[in-house]
């Protein structure tokens, strides 16, 4: 029995963006937040700017790849369940979704590292990284509205607010752990 396919390849930039929107938002949000968590945690723990770059770039590579692979495997598992239920295929190209997630993670996730890449350090670098992170969160949320029809400022504020809560938690965790282990820069 053939199960058929509901999948259709997108055409044009808007259709393609809508098709991969979930992957792009998921990757960009996680990239911005987890890289900022590294920046905030290292800063809160009073470690050096070199530590920010080392851990931040390692995070971009490892976590970005992990996110892409995780998305690919998730879609494959979902399609496997659908096949067992004799339901039509929904997504024929899970690798493309994984690649979209990974690319969005790396692109957006690199933003909190920009001040450190340009040689800034200490609190000025952290303030610049925080500003870039908050602007990026708002921008990704607002851009989402271009293809969803949501109000751009509402979508931007939603992503900004949720990201700010996570970012503040990361900084606080780094500060607490830094005090516990007694590390100083």
Protein backbone atom coordinates (compact mmCIF):
# COMPACT_ATOMS: atom_id res chain seq x y z
CA UNK A 1 0.00 0.00 0.00
CA UNK A 2 1.49 3.35 -0.98
CA UNK A 3 1.13 6.02 1.60
CA UNK A 4 1.47 9.05 -0.64
CA UNK A 5 2.99 12.38 0.28
CA UNK A 6 1.66 15.70 1.49
CA UNK A 7 5.10 17.25 0.97
CA UNK A 8 5.53 19.93 -1.62
CA UNK A 9 8.73 21.76 -2.37
CA UNK A 10 8.39 25.50 -1.76
CA UNK A 11 8.92 27.98 -4.57
CA UNK A 12 10.05 31.56 -4.20
CA UNK A 13 11.58 33.32 -1.21
CA UNK A 14 8.38 33.88 0.79
CA UNK A 15 7.12 30.32 0.28
CA UNK A 16 10.55 28.90 1.15
CA UNK A 17 10.80 31.09 4.26
CA UNK A 18 7.34 29.98 5.40
CA UNK A 19 8.24 26.33 4.78
CA UNK A 20 11.38 26.56 6.92
CA UNK A 21 10.12 29.20 9.37
CA UNK A 22 9.81 26.83 12.33
CA UNK A 23 13.40 25.65 11.80
CA UNK A 24 14.72 29.19 11.33
CA UNK A 25 13.01 30.60 14.42
CA UNK A 26 13.98 27.58 16.54
CA UNK A 27 17.60 27.74 15.42
CA UNK A 28 17.94 31.53 15.66
CA UNK A 29 16.32 31.75 19.08
CA UNK A 30 18.39 28.93 20.50
CA UNK A 31 21.57 30.25 18.88
CA UNK A 32 21.12 33.75 20.30
CA UNK A 33 20.11 32.52 23.75
CA UNK A 34 22.62 29.73 24.26
CA UNK A 35 25.53 31.81 23.00
CA UNK A 36 24.45 34.70 25.16
CA UNK A 37 24.11 32.24 28.04
CA UNK A 38 27.77 31.38 27.51
CA UNK A 39 28.72 35.07 27.42
CA UNK A 40 26.59 35.86 30.48
CA UNK A 41 27.69 32.79 32.41
CA UNK A 42 31.38 33.41 31.76
CA UNK A 43 31.00 37.11 32.57
CA UNK A 44 28.92 36.37 35.67
CA UNK A 45 31.60 33.89 36.72
CA UNK A 46 34.29 36.56 36.28
CA UNK A 47 36.22 34.61 33.64
CA UNK A 48 38.28 36.18 30.84
CA UNK A 49 37.20 37.44 27.43
CA UNK A 50 39.29 34.64 25.91
CA UNK A 51 37.10 32.16 27.79
CA UNK A 52 34.03 33.83 26.27
CA UNK A 53 35.40 33.32 22.75
CA UNK A 54 36.63 29.77 23.31
CA UNK A 55 33.43 28.53 24.91
CA UNK A 56 31.24 30.67 22.65
CA UNK A 57 32.73 29.39 19.38
CA UNK A 58 32.69 25.81 20.69
CA UNK A 59 29.02 26.33 21.54
CA UNK A 60 28.28 27.67 18.03
CA UNK A 61 29.85 24.65 16.38
CA UNK A 62 28.76 21.85 18.70
CA UNK A 63 25.32 23.08 19.70
CA UNK A 64 24.50 24.30 16.19
CA UNK A 65 25.35 20.91 14.74
CA UNK A 66 23.47 19.18 17.54
CA UNK A 67 20.39 21.29 16.89
CA UNK A 68 20.50 20.54 13.18
CA UNK A 69 20.98 16.81 13.73
CA UNK A 70 18.27 16.79 16.41
CA UNK A 71 15.80 18.44 14.06
CA UNK A 72 16.68 16.00 11.27
CA UNK A 73 16.24 12.98 13.58
CA UNK A 74 13.00 14.38 14.99
CA UNK A 75 11.50 14.74 11.52
CA UNK A 76 12.72 11.27 10.55
CA UNK A 77 11.13 9.81 13.69
CA UNK A 78 7.87 11.66 13.00
CA UNK A 79 7.84 10.36 9.42
CA UNK A 80 8.58 6.83 10.70
CA UNK A 81 5.54 6.97 12.96
CA UNK A 82 3.41 8.25 10.08
CA UNK A 83 4.66 5.39 7.89
CA UNK A 84 3.73 2.83 10.57
CA UNK A 85 0.25 4.37 10.72
CA UNK A 86 -0.03 4.31 6.91
CA UNK A 87 -0.41 8.10 6.89
CA UNK A 88 0.96 10.20 4.05
CA UNK A 89 4.45 11.61 4.30
CA UNK A 90 4.56 15.22 5.46
CA UNK A 91 8.23 16.06 4.96
CA UNK A 92 10.40 14.45 2.29
CA UNK A 93 13.57 16.44 2.99
CA UNK A 94 14.43 16.38 6.70
CA UNK A 95 18.11 17.11 6.01
CA UNK A 96 17.18 20.52 4.59
CA UNK A 97 15.28 21.33 7.78
CA UNK A 98 18.27 20.27 9.85
CA UNK A 99 20.54 22.46 7.75
CA UNK A 100 18.17 25.43 8.10
CA UNK A 101 18.14 25.02 11.89
CA UNK A 102 21.93 24.77 12.04
CA UNK A 103 22.48 27.77 9.76
CA UNK A 104 20.04 29.95 11.71
CA UNK A 105 21.66 28.87 14.99
CA UNK A 106 25.17 29.78 13.78
CA UNK A 107 24.18 33.06 12.13
CA UNK A 108 22.11 34.43 14.99
CA UNK A 109 24.23 32.81 17.67
CA UNK A 110 27.36 34.58 16.49
CA UNK A 111 25.92 38.01 17.35
CA UNK A 112 26.63 37.94 21.13
CA UNK A 113 30.29 37.16 20.32
CA UNK A 114 30.82 40.13 17.98
CA UNK A 115 32.14 42.57 20.64
CA UNK A 116 34.68 39.99 21.83
CA UNK A 117 35.77 39.28 18.26
CA UNK A 118 36.56 42.98 17.87
CA UNK A 119 38.76 42.99 20.97
CA UNK A 120 36.38 44.42 23.52
CA UNK A 121 36.57 42.94 26.99
CA UNK A 122 35.12 43.26 30.47
CA UNK A 123 31.89 45.09 31.15
CA UNK A 124 31.92 47.16 27.91
CA UNK A 125 32.00 43.93 25.89
CA UNK A 126 29.24 42.42 28.00
CA UNK A 127 27.03 45.51 27.65
CA UNK A 128 27.56 45.47 23.87
CA UNK A 129 26.84 41.72 23.73
CA UNK A 130 23.69 42.21 25.79
CA UNK A 131 22.53 45.02 23.51
CA UNK A 132 23.19 42.97 20.36
CA UNK A 133 21.41 39.99 21.89
CA UNK A 134 18.30 41.96 22.82
CA UNK A 135 18.20 43.70 19.43
CA UNK A 136 18.64 40.37 17.64
CA UNK A 137 15.85 38.74 19.64
CA UNK A 138 13.50 41.59 18.80
CA UNK A 139 14.56 41.58 15.13
CA UNK A 140 14.04 37.83 14.69
CA UNK A 141 10.61 38.08 16.30
CA UNK A 142 9.67 41.10 14.18
CA UNK A 143 10.92 39.43 11.00
CA UNK A 144 8.80 36.41 11.80
CA UNK A 145 5.78 38.65 11.42
CA UNK A 146 6.66 39.35 7.79
CA UNK A 147 5.62 35.82 6.82
CA UNK A 148 3.05 35.08 9.54
CA UNK A 149 0.89 38.18 9.45
CA UNK A 150 1.38 38.86 13.17
CA UNK A 151 1.94 42.42 14.32
CA UNK A 152 5.71 42.94 13.96
CA UNK A 153 6.15 44.74 17.25
CA UNK A 154 4.12 42.17 19.21
CA UNK A 155 6.12 39.28 17.73
CA UNK A 156 9.35 41.19 18.39
CA UNK A 157 8.43 41.97 22.00
CA UNK A 158 7.33 38.38 22.62
CA UNK A 159 10.68 36.99 21.54
CA UNK A 160 12.56 39.77 23.33
CA UNK A 161 10.74 39.24 26.63
CA UNK A 162 11.14 35.47 26.67
CA UNK A 163 14.79 35.74 25.63
CA UNK A 164 15.51 38.37 28.28
CA UNK A 165 14.22 36.06 31.02
CA UNK A 166 16.52 33.28 29.84
CA UNK A 167 19.47 35.68 29.43
CA UNK A 168 19.04 37.04 32.97
CA UNK A 169 18.87 33.49 34.31
CA UNK A 170 22.13 32.62 32.55
CA UNK A 171 23.92 35.63 34.00
CA UNK A 172 22.59 34.90 37.49
CA UNK A 173 23.62 31.24 37.29
CA UNK A 174 27.14 32.23 36.22
CA UNK A 175 27.41 34.74 39.04
CA UNK A 176 26.20 32.26 41.66
CA UNK A 177 28.45 29.44 40.47
CA UNK A 178 31.38 31.85 40.18
CA UNK A 179 30.94 32.85 43.82
CA UNK A 180 30.56 29.23 44.93
CA UNK A 181 33.76 28.04 43.26
CA UNK A 182 35.58 31.27 44.11
CA UNK A 183 37.01 31.90 40.62
CA UNK A 184 38.24 35.36 39.75
CA UNK A 185 39.57 36.68 36.49
